Each structure stands twice: as structure tokens, then as C-alpha cells.
């Protein structure tokens, strides 16, 4: 019988192949290194992003996997990009055979599900069940709800398609989760949605910041002291300009605060399909002097410094997901202010550092910005809370905790 070694990860995060180089998203590479801190071997299976899509992808910062520390600890297995039904059916049999072979020789199995056809993690889970193997499921968004909410303002055809596919996807994922041994749910939205279908459930957080990258105690004190005297309120957001982030609501909330007399400067760090619509709305509302769209900041150190310099991170997420930027904001001592969600509420329930309004109520969000601008003593308190809260989150601790759970249950 073949000796089983190491951890198998089947992920939706894609590889990119350029010549003899295999590239992977930079933070995902950090995740692989942290997994390898806890497992002797890490086998990673993921789809290969077609190059025409890779060239249009503006929010991915790629890293050559040849630069992974102790590269021999890793085995990278490319899978087909099969997010159309025809491509999925064409590649299904051969890919499932490949996944079966990986499952047979790896000791620990974790699958990050997140779709319908083209979701090889789900197929790997089905194959593991066939082999009577224990496996962990990890996810950071409630995919069927994301599909429904992010298409609310789409074309009638897209909305109809989402309403048809979403319930099928929900049942599909529930079946896979019922057969898993361990559920690792990133954020409380995922935990509440999926934990009823799994016996062993843990709410986890996924972050790639080092312990040394958090705001220091002295810097936090200085930041909270300064905000009481600074006349301009500094607002930021870091993420994709996509429907699920509701960036137009973000702009409108800032316009409301401006109209209420708030002196502010807001910057959105990122890019996406709604860039031009955001730019147009900013012009219509005469916010050019208040809002700056910076585009993607690929230098993580620089981006974290911008977040640390901000007084609050304003967010308008409308889907049940677990955005890493909110964790990073707390680590930087920057309060999170935006639409209420299970994920955001859970992050601050014990330690503070956030304020929320009802989902979709951008007018109330604008009023909240105005209240925080007026009450700088309270805002300074939120900054202190955010910084203390953020000390809980770093890549070493979260990956160690997850690895211990996998070894315990699988």
C-alpha cells in the first residue's frame, strides 16, 4: 500500500503559466509557505488561468513559484480552466482521475469549494468520499448568495440565470459539506450558512500579514491622538471595483458626508469592472477633490502604510463574504465602517473597532461618517480598539491553528 504523505490543497486560486514559469498570486504563495511550516509536503492543485484573461486581470499580483522558500516542499499540479459547461464536461473524466491519484497518496485533504462546473475542489471532495477518505472543506463566501446579490442590477438574462443556478449550487455544496469531516469557515457569514451541515465546525480567519506588520503600540497612541486635531478625515478602501463591493454606494455615502459638511479625503485602492462607472459618478457628484481612485497598489508595504495613515476604512459589501481587507484594516489600527454583516460584526464584537449601518443604506452610512468626523474623541477610541483587536490576527497563528485542526480531525 502506498504511504500517504503531506497535505493536498485543491484551490480555486489559479496558476498562471508563462513559458517555464508557474506563477501564483503573491499572498496565496505566502499561504503555501505557512502551510509548509506545518506539513512536510504540500501538494497544490489549481486551474491554469488562460493568458488572455490573465492579461486583463488587474487585481492579481503574481509571484514566481520558483521563489517559494524550500521549493522542494511543494508540488504544483495544474488543472484545466473549465468554467463553461462544455469545457467542464470535456475535461471532467481525466481531471477526476488525476485528483483521485493525488488523494490516494496524500495524508491530509483540504478542498476550497466555491462554484458549480469548473469547481475541481468539489469534484475532489466527491472522489474523496468515494474512497472513504476524511477531508476538510474551506470557504470564505456563501457562493450562491454572492451570485444572487451581485446580479441584482445585472441584465434580466443574468438575473434569471442566477436564480436558476443558485439553488442548485446551494444543494450541491450542502451535500459535499455533509460528507466532510471538518468545516473551516472563514468569517461568521460562512459559519452560519454552512455549519448546520457539518459536525465539526470552526470559524477561522485568513490573513497573510506577519506579526511585525501590525501597528505598534506607540504608533497607535500617536494616531489616536492626532485624529482629535486633524481637520481632514482620511478614508480608504482596498479591493476590487466589482458589484459585490457596491462601489457606487461607497461614492454616494461619501457624497452624503460631504454634503453634511465633512472635510474629507477618500481613496479607493484597487481596480475592476466598475472603474469607469465610479469615475463617472464621482464627476456627476462633483467629488473630484474628495475622492481619488488610485488603481492597484501592488506594493503590500506601501498599501499597508496608506491604510495605517487612514482614519477609517469605509466598505459597502453587499454579499456574504469574508473580505480580508477588513482584517488588514484592524491590524493597521484603522476602524472598519460600513454595511452590517455577520463577518464584520463578529470581527469587532468582543474588542471593538467598527461601526455599521443596515445593508444598502448608503445615506445612513454618510450620516455615520459625519458623526464620526464630529466626535473625534469617539473616533480616537475606535482607533485604539481597532489596533488592540488587530493584534489577534497574523499569518503564523491562523495557519498554525488551522493545521492543528486538520491533524486532529483527519
Protein backbone atom coordinates (compact mmCIF):
# COMPACT_ATOMS: atom_id res chain seq x y z
CA UNK A 1 0.00 0.00 0.00
CA UNK A 2 1.32 3.47 -0.93
CA UNK A 3 2.44 5.57 2.05
CA UNK A 4 0.38 8.73 2.28
CA UNK A 5 2.34 11.92 2.88
CA UNK A 6 1.67 15.61 3.20
CA UNK A 7 -1.27 17.94 2.65
CA UNK A 8 -3.31 18.15 -0.55
CA UNK A 9 -4.91 21.52 -1.29
CA UNK A 10 -7.34 21.84 -4.19
CA UNK A 11 -7.90 25.56 -4.69
CA UNK A 12 -9.84 27.93 -6.95
CA UNK A 13 -7.00 30.47 -6.92
CA UNK A 14 -5.43 29.93 -10.35
CA UNK A 15 -1.91 29.32 -11.55
CA UNK A 16 -0.54 31.34 -14.44
CA UNK A 17 1.95 29.66 -16.76
CA UNK A 18 4.41 31.78 -18.74
CA UNK A 19 7.00 29.69 -20.56
CA UNK A 20 8.67 27.51 -17.95
CA UNK A 21 7.48 29.69 -15.06
CA UNK A 22 4.48 28.85 -12.91
CA UNK A 23 3.10 31.97 -11.24
CA UNK A 24 0.70 32.16 -8.30
CA UNK A 25 -0.98 35.05 -6.51
CA UNK A 26 1.54 36.57 -4.08
CA UNK A 27 -0.49 36.27 -0.90
CA UNK A 28 -1.52 32.73 -1.84
CA UNK A 29 2.19 31.92 -2.11
CA UNK A 30 2.62 33.17 1.44
CA UNK A 31 -0.21 30.85 2.43
CA UNK A 32 1.57 27.89 0.84
CA UNK A 33 4.71 28.69 2.82
CA UNK A 34 2.72 28.85 6.05
CA UNK A 35 1.09 25.50 5.28
CA UNK A 36 4.56 24.09 4.68
CA UNK A 37 5.59 25.31 8.13
CA UNK A 38 3.14 22.74 9.48
CA UNK A 39 3.25 19.90 6.93
CA UNK A 40 6.31 18.17 5.47
CA UNK A 41 4.90 18.27 1.93
CA UNK A 42 2.25 20.46 0.31
CA UNK A 43 0.60 19.40 -2.96
CA UNK A 44 -1.39 22.17 -4.64
CA UNK A 45 -3.86 21.52 -7.45
CA UNK A 46 -5.40 24.58 -9.12
CA UNK A 47 -6.71 25.63 -12.55
CA UNK A 48 -4.47 27.44 -15.02
CA UNK A 49 -5.78 30.89 -15.91
CA UNK A 50 -5.87 31.41 -19.71
CA UNK A 51 -3.33 34.02 -20.69
CA UNK A 52 -5.85 36.33 -22.36
CA UNK A 53 -7.73 36.51 -19.06
CA UNK A 54 -4.51 36.87 -17.08
CA UNK A 55 -3.51 39.92 -19.11
CA UNK A 56 -6.86 41.57 -18.32
CA UNK A 57 -6.75 40.66 -14.62
CA UNK A 58 -5.76 43.89 -12.90
CA UNK A 59 -6.07 42.85 -9.24
CA UNK A 60 -3.68 39.89 -9.15
CA UNK A 61 -0.09 40.38 -8.03
CA UNK A 62 1.81 37.39 -9.36
CA UNK A 63 4.84 35.67 -7.85
CA UNK A 64 7.08 33.10 -9.47
CA UNK A 65 6.61 29.86 -7.51
CA UNK A 66 10.32 29.13 -8.06
CA UNK A 67 10.89 31.72 -5.29
CA UNK A 68 8.93 29.75 -2.69
CA UNK A 69 11.15 29.06 0.31
CA UNK A 70 12.41 25.45 0.29
CA UNK A 71 10.77 24.89 -3.11
CA UNK A 72 11.17 21.11 -2.84
CA UNK A 73 8.45 21.06 -0.17
CA UNK A 74 5.85 21.89 -2.83
CA UNK A 75 4.29 20.03 -5.73
CA UNK A 76 2.16 22.09 -8.11
CA UNK A 77 -0.48 20.31 -10.19
CA UNK A 78 -2.15 22.36 -12.97
CA UNK A 79 -5.81 21.65 -13.69
CA UNK A 80 -7.96 22.72 -16.65
CA UNK A 81 -9.75 26.07 -16.68
CA UNK A 82 -13.28 24.73 -17.11
CA UNK A 83 -15.81 27.35 -16.07
CA UNK A 84 -18.03 26.72 -19.06
CA UNK A 85 -20.25 23.63 -19.02
CA UNK A 86 -18.84 22.31 -22.31
CA UNK A 87 -15.22 22.61 -21.16
CA UNK A 88 -16.07 21.08 -17.80
CA UNK A 89 -17.73 18.04 -19.37
CA UNK A 90 -14.85 17.63 -21.80
CA UNK A 91 -12.19 17.60 -19.07
CA UNK A 92 -14.19 16.02 -16.23
CA UNK A 93 -13.11 12.39 -16.54
CA UNK A 94 -9.38 12.98 -16.96
CA UNK A 95 -9.27 15.61 -14.19
CA UNK A 96 -11.17 13.45 -11.74
CA UNK A 97 -8.72 10.61 -12.46
CA UNK A 98 -5.81 12.95 -11.70
CA UNK A 99 -7.44 14.12 -8.48
CA UNK A 100 -8.08 10.52 -7.43
CA UNK A 101 -4.37 9.76 -7.76
CA UNK A 102 -3.46 12.79 -5.64
CA UNK A 103 -5.99 11.85 -2.96
CA UNK A 104 -4.58 8.32 -2.78
CA UNK A 105 -1.05 9.50 -1.99
CA UNK A 106 -1.70 12.47 0.32
CA UNK A 107 -2.30 12.06 4.04
CA UNK A 108 -4.42 15.19 4.67
CA UNK A 109 -7.03 16.65 2.32
CA UNK A 110 -8.46 20.17 2.22
CA UNK A 111 -10.73 21.45 -0.54
CA UNK A 112 -11.75 25.09 -1.04
CA UNK A 113 -15.13 24.91 -2.74
CA UNK A 114 -16.73 27.87 -4.46
CA UNK A 115 -18.69 27.22 -7.62
CA UNK A 116 -20.56 24.76 -9.81
CA UNK A 117 -18.98 23.49 -13.03
CA UNK A 118 -15.26 24.12 -13.12
CA UNK A 119 -15.04 23.77 -9.33
CA UNK A 120 -12.45 21.00 -9.09
CA UNK A 121 -12.40 21.24 -5.30
CA UNK A 122 -15.96 19.94 -5.21
CA UNK A 123 -15.05 17.11 -7.57
CA UNK A 124 -12.09 16.24 -5.35
CA UNK A 125 -14.47 16.06 -2.38
CA UNK A 126 -16.75 13.67 -4.26
CA UNK A 127 -13.76 11.49 -5.15
CA UNK A 128 -12.53 11.52 -1.53
CA UNK A 129 -15.96 10.40 -0.35
CA UNK A 130 -15.87 7.56 -2.89
CA UNK A 131 -12.54 6.45 -1.39
CA UNK A 132 -13.88 6.76 2.19
CA UNK A 133 -11.30 9.44 2.95
CA UNK A 134 -11.80 12.18 5.52
CA UNK A 135 -11.47 15.72 4.20
CA UNK A 136 -11.79 19.34 5.29
CA UNK A 137 -13.82 21.96 3.44
CA UNK A 138 -12.77 25.61 3.49
CA UNK A 139 -14.64 28.55 2.03
CA UNK A 140 -14.71 32.31 2.52
CA UNK A 141 -18.02 33.23 0.89
CA UNK A 142 -21.55 31.90 0.59
CA UNK A 143 -21.30 31.41 -3.13
CA UNK A 144 -24.97 31.00 -4.07
CA UNK A 145 -25.88 34.16 -2.13
CA UNK A 146 -22.98 36.04 -3.71
CA UNK A 147 -24.30 35.07 -7.13
CA UNK A 148 -27.82 36.27 -6.34
CA UNK A 149 -26.87 39.57 -4.73
CA UNK A 150 -24.12 40.53 -7.16
CA UNK A 151 -26.52 40.18 -10.13
CA UNK A 152 -29.33 42.28 -8.64
CA UNK A 153 -28.56 45.14 -11.02
CA UNK A 154 -27.49 42.95 -13.95
CA UNK A 155 -29.43 42.23 -17.14
CA UNK A 156 -32.69 40.24 -16.92
CA UNK A 157 -30.93 37.28 -18.57
CA UNK A 158 -28.15 37.28 -15.96
CA UNK A 159 -30.63 37.59 -13.09
CA UNK A 160 -32.70 34.71 -14.45
CA UNK A 161 -29.59 32.55 -14.84
CA UNK A 162 -28.51 33.34 -11.27
CA UNK A 163 -31.96 32.48 -9.87
CA UNK A 164 -31.81 29.14 -11.69
CA UNK A 165 -28.24 28.20 -10.76
CA UNK A 166 -28.07 29.48 -7.16
CA UNK A 167 -30.40 26.89 -5.55
CA UNK A 168 -28.68 24.07 -7.45
CA UNK A 169 -25.32 25.32 -6.20
CA UNK A 170 -26.60 25.58 -2.63
CA UNK A 171 -27.82 21.97 -2.60
CA UNK A 172 -24.61 20.78 -4.26
CA UNK A 173 -22.43 22.42 -1.63
CA UNK A 174 -24.61 21.23 1.23
CA UNK A 175 -24.18 17.64 0.08
CA UNK A 176 -20.40 17.99 -0.11
CA UNK A 177 -20.28 19.61 3.33
CA UNK A 178 -22.45 16.91 4.91
CA UNK A 179 -19.82 14.35 3.92
CA UNK A 180 -16.82 16.31 5.14
CA UNK A 181 -15.13 15.67 8.47
CA UNK A 182 -14.09 19.24 9.20
CA UNK A 183 -15.57 22.60 8.21
CA UNK A 184 -13.23 25.59 8.26
CA UNK A 185 -15.42 28.63 7.70
CA UNK A 186 -13.70 31.95 7.10
CA UNK A 187 -15.94 34.50 8.74
CA UNK A 188 -19.28 34.34 10.50
CA UNK A 189 -21.37 34.61 7.31
CA UNK A 190 -19.88 31.33 6.09
CA UNK A 191 -20.06 29.75 9.54
CA UNK A 192 -23.76 30.48 9.93
CA UNK A 193 -24.58 29.36 6.39
CA UNK A 194 -22.64 26.09 6.37
CA UNK A 195 -22.11 24.86 9.94
CA UNK A 196 -25.59 23.25 10.16
CA UNK A 197 -24.44 20.69 7.57
CA UNK A 198 -21.17 19.66 9.25
CA UNK A 199 -20.39 18.00 12.60
CA UNK A 200 -17.01 19.64 13.30
CA UNK A 201 -17.08 23.36 12.58
CA UNK A 202 -14.61 26.14 13.25
CA UNK A 203 -14.82 29.84 12.49
CA UNK A 204 -11.42 30.83 11.13
CA UNK A 205 -9.74 33.93 9.71
CA UNK A 206 -7.49 34.07 6.69
CA UNK A 207 -4.77 36.72 6.73
CA UNK A 208 -1.26 36.97 5.31
CA UNK A 209 0.27 39.71 7.43
CA UNK A 210 3.29 38.99 9.60
CA UNK A 211 3.13 39.73 13.32
CA UNK A 212 5.66 42.53 12.71
CA UNK A 213 3.42 44.25 10.13
CA UNK A 214 0.75 45.31 12.62
CA UNK A 215 0.66 48.84 14.01
CA UNK A 216 2.90 49.28 17.04
CA UNK A 217 1.65 50.42 20.42
CA UNK A 218 3.35 53.81 20.27
CA UNK A 219 2.24 54.45 16.69
CA UNK A 220 -1.34 53.55 17.65
CA UNK A 221 -1.32 56.05 20.52
CA UNK A 222 0.05 58.77 18.25
CA UNK A 223 -2.56 58.01 15.59
CA UNK A 224 -5.47 58.19 18.04
CA UNK A 225 -4.10 61.43 19.49
CA UNK A 226 -3.63 63.06 16.06
CA UNK A 227 -7.14 62.33 14.85
CA UNK A 228 -8.56 64.64 17.53
CA UNK A 229 -6.86 67.64 15.91
CA UNK A 230 -6.64 66.83 12.19
CA UNK A 231 -9.17 68.78 10.16
CA UNK A 232 -9.43 66.39 7.20
CA UNK A 233 -10.99 62.96 7.70
CA UNK A 234 -8.97 60.34 5.81
CA UNK A 235 -10.99 57.46 4.38
CA UNK A 236 -9.76 54.43 2.45
CA UNK A 237 -10.84 51.15 0.89
CA UNK A 238 -8.69 48.41 -0.64
CA UNK A 239 -10.30 45.93 -3.01
CA UNK A 240 -11.91 45.22 -6.35
CA UNK A 241 -14.38 47.55 -8.03
CA UNK A 242 -17.00 44.86 -8.58
CA UNK A 243 -20.78 44.67 -7.99
CA UNK A 244 -20.38 42.62 -4.79
CA UNK A 245 -18.41 45.52 -3.27
CA UNK A 246 -21.08 48.08 -4.28
CA UNK A 247 -18.52 50.80 -5.07
CA UNK A 248 -21.20 53.19 -6.33
CA UNK A 249 -22.80 53.07 -2.86
CA UNK A 250 -19.34 53.91 -1.48
CA UNK A 251 -19.19 57.02 -3.64
CA UNK A 252 -22.74 58.06 -2.71
CA UNK A 253 -22.06 57.64 1.02
CA UNK A 254 -19.05 59.92 0.70
CA UNK A 255 -21.14 62.44 -1.24
CA UNK A 256 -23.71 62.40 1.58
CA UNK A 257 -21.00 63.05 4.17
CA UNK A 258 -19.54 65.85 2.02
CA UNK A 259 -22.99 67.43 1.73
CA UNK A 260 -23.30 67.30 5.53
CA UNK A 261 -20.17 69.42 5.78
CA UNK A 262 -17.46 66.82 6.33
CA UNK A 263 -13.98 67.82 5.15
CA UNK A 264 -12.65 64.51 3.83
CA UNK A 265 -10.23 62.80 1.51
CA UNK A 266 -11.15 59.28 0.35
CA UNK A 267 -9.02 56.85 -1.66
CA UNK A 268 -10.04 53.56 -3.24
CA UNK A 269 -7.03 51.30 -3.76
CA UNK A 270 -7.86 48.81 -6.49
CA UNK A 271 -9.36 48.31 -9.91
CA UNK A 272 -12.19 46.41 -11.54
CA UNK A 273 -15.07 46.37 -13.98
CA UNK A 274 -16.88 49.32 -12.35
CA UNK A 275 -13.93 51.71 -12.54
CA UNK A 276 -15.44 53.84 -15.32
CA UNK A 277 -18.87 53.94 -13.65
CA UNK A 278 -17.26 55.08 -10.40
CA UNK A 279 -15.28 57.73 -12.25
CA UNK A 280 -18.43 58.98 -13.99
CA UNK A 281 -20.43 59.12 -10.75
CA UNK A 282 -17.61 60.99 -8.99
CA UNK A 283 -17.72 63.59 -11.77
CA UNK A 284 -21.53 63.85 -11.66
CA UNK A 285 -21.47 64.44 -7.91
CA UNK A 286 -18.52 66.86 -8.16
CA UNK A 287 -16.36 64.76 -5.87
CA UNK A 288 -13.10 65.04 -7.81
CA UNK A 289 -11.50 66.99 -4.96
CA UNK A 290 -12.68 64.44 -2.37
CA UNK A 291 -12.14 61.01 -3.95
CA UNK A 292 -9.03 59.54 -5.53
CA UNK A 293 -9.08 56.25 -7.45
CA UNK A 294 -5.51 55.07 -7.13
CA UNK A 295 -5.66 51.83 -9.10
CA UNK A 296 -3.93 48.70 -7.88
CA UNK A 297 -1.12 49.16 -5.36
CA UNK A 298 0.98 46.03 -5.80
CA UNK A 299 3.50 47.00 -3.11
CA UNK A 300 1.94 45.50 0.03
CA UNK A 301 4.17 47.50 2.39
CA UNK A 302 3.08 50.74 0.74
CA UNK A 303 -0.60 49.75 0.77
CA UNK A 304 -0.49 48.88 4.48
CA UNK A 305 1.12 52.25 5.19
CA UNK A 306 -1.73 54.01 3.38
CA UNK A 307 -4.27 52.05 5.43
CA UNK A 308 -2.41 52.90 8.68
CA UNK A 309 -2.50 56.58 7.75
CA UNK A 310 -6.29 56.47 7.23
CA UNK A 311 -8.79 57.26 9.97
CA UNK A 312 -11.30 54.67 8.82
CA UNK A 313 -11.86 52.02 6.17
CA UNK A 314 -15.23 52.56 4.53
CA UNK A 315 -16.80 49.47 2.97
CA UNK A 316 -20.08 48.72 1.20
CA UNK A 317 -20.04 44.93 0.74
CA UNK A 318 -23.46 43.58 -0.19
CA UNK A 319 -22.75 39.84 -0.32
CA UNK A 320 -22.00 37.28 2.45
CA UNK A 321 -18.25 37.03 2.06
CA UNK A 322 -15.21 37.43 4.30
CA UNK A 323 -13.10 40.26 2.85
CA UNK A 324 -9.52 40.12 4.05
CA UNK A 325 -9.20 43.90 3.82
CA UNK A 326 -11.30 44.34 6.98
CA UNK A 327 -8.88 42.17 8.94
CA UNK A 328 -5.94 44.08 7.49
CA UNK A 329 -7.58 47.35 8.46
CA UNK A 330 -7.88 46.30 12.10
CA UNK A 331 -4.26 45.13 12.08
CA UNK A 332 -3.36 48.65 10.90
CA UNK A 333 -5.35 50.29 13.70
CA UNK A 334 -7.94 51.63 11.26
CA UNK A 335 -11.61 51.19 12.26
CA UNK A 336 -13.95 49.43 9.83
CA UNK A 337 -17.10 51.41 8.98
CA UNK A 338 -19.75 50.16 6.59
CA UNK A 339 -22.65 47.84 5.87
CA UNK A 340 -23.51 45.38 8.63
CA UNK A 341 -22.69 41.72 8.02
CA UNK A 342 -22.16 38.65 10.17
CA UNK A 343 -18.48 38.72 9.24
CA UNK A 344 -17.86 42.35 10.15
CA UNK A 345 -19.98 42.18 13.31
CA UNK A 346 -18.09 39.13 14.55
CA UNK A 347 -14.71 40.78 13.98
CA UNK A 348 -15.46 43.56 16.47
CA UNK A 349 -18.00 42.02 18.86
CA UNK A 350 -15.52 41.47 21.71
CA UNK A 351 -12.83 44.09 21.12
CA UNK A 352 -14.47 46.89 19.16
CA UNK A 353 -13.07 48.92 16.31
CA UNK A 354 -16.06 49.17 13.97
CA UNK A 355 -19.40 50.87 13.31
CA UNK A 356 -22.09 49.61 10.93
CA UNK A 357 -25.39 50.56 9.29
CA UNK A 358 -28.07 48.45 7.62
CA UNK A 359 -27.15 46.75 4.37
CA UNK A 360 -27.60 49.07 1.40
CA UNK A 361 -28.34 52.22 3.42
CA UNK A 362 -25.68 54.48 1.96
CA UNK A 363 -27.46 57.60 3.20
CA UNK A 364 -27.22 56.41 6.79
CA UNK A 365 -23.60 55.49 6.13
CA UNK A 366 -22.91 59.05 5.04
CA UNK A 367 -24.51 60.31 8.26
CA UNK A 368 -22.36 57.91 10.27
CA UNK A 369 -19.22 59.34 8.64
CA UNK A 370 -20.41 62.81 9.64
CA UNK A 371 -20.96 61.72 13.27
CA UNK A 372 -17.50 60.19 13.46
CA UNK A 373 -15.97 63.33 11.98
CA UNK A 374 -17.75 65.47 14.56
CA UNK A 375 -16.96 63.22 17.55
CA UNK A 376 -13.19 62.83 17.27
CA UNK A 377 -12.91 61.53 20.84
CA UNK A 378 -15.11 58.57 19.88
CA UNK A 379 -13.19 58.07 16.63
CA UNK A 380 -9.91 58.04 18.60
CA UNK A 381 -11.43 55.38 20.84
CA UNK A 382 -12.37 53.29 17.79
CA UNK A 383 -8.80 53.58 16.50
CA UNK A 384 -7.46 52.29 19.82
CA UNK A 385 -9.96 49.42 19.78
CA UNK A 386 -9.12 48.51 16.17
CA UNK A 387 -5.41 48.36 16.93
CA UNK A 388 -5.84 46.17 20.00
CA UNK A 389 -8.28 43.95 18.12
CA UNK A 390 -5.89 43.57 15.21
CA UNK A 391 -3.14 42.03 17.35
CA UNK A 392 -5.12 38.77 17.23
CA UNK A 393 -4.55 38.33 13.51
CA UNK A 394 -1.33 37.23 11.80
CA UNK A 395 -0.41 34.55 9.30
CA UNK A 396 1.67 32.42 11.65
CA UNK A 397 -1.08 31.94 14.23
CA UNK A 398 -4.01 31.44 11.87
CA UNK A 399 -2.24 28.82 9.72
CA UNK A 400 -0.89 27.03 12.77
CA UNK A 401 -4.36 26.83 14.29
CA UNK A 402 -5.89 25.52 11.05
CA UNK A 403 -3.11 22.96 10.62
CA UNK A 404 -3.66 21.66 14.15
CA UNK A 405 -7.37 21.22 13.45
CA UNK A 406 -6.67 19.30 10.24
CA UNK A 407 -4.25 16.98 12.05
CA UNK A 408 -6.73 16.46 14.87
CA UNK A 409 -9.77 15.55 12.78
CA UNK A 410 -8.44 13.99 9.58
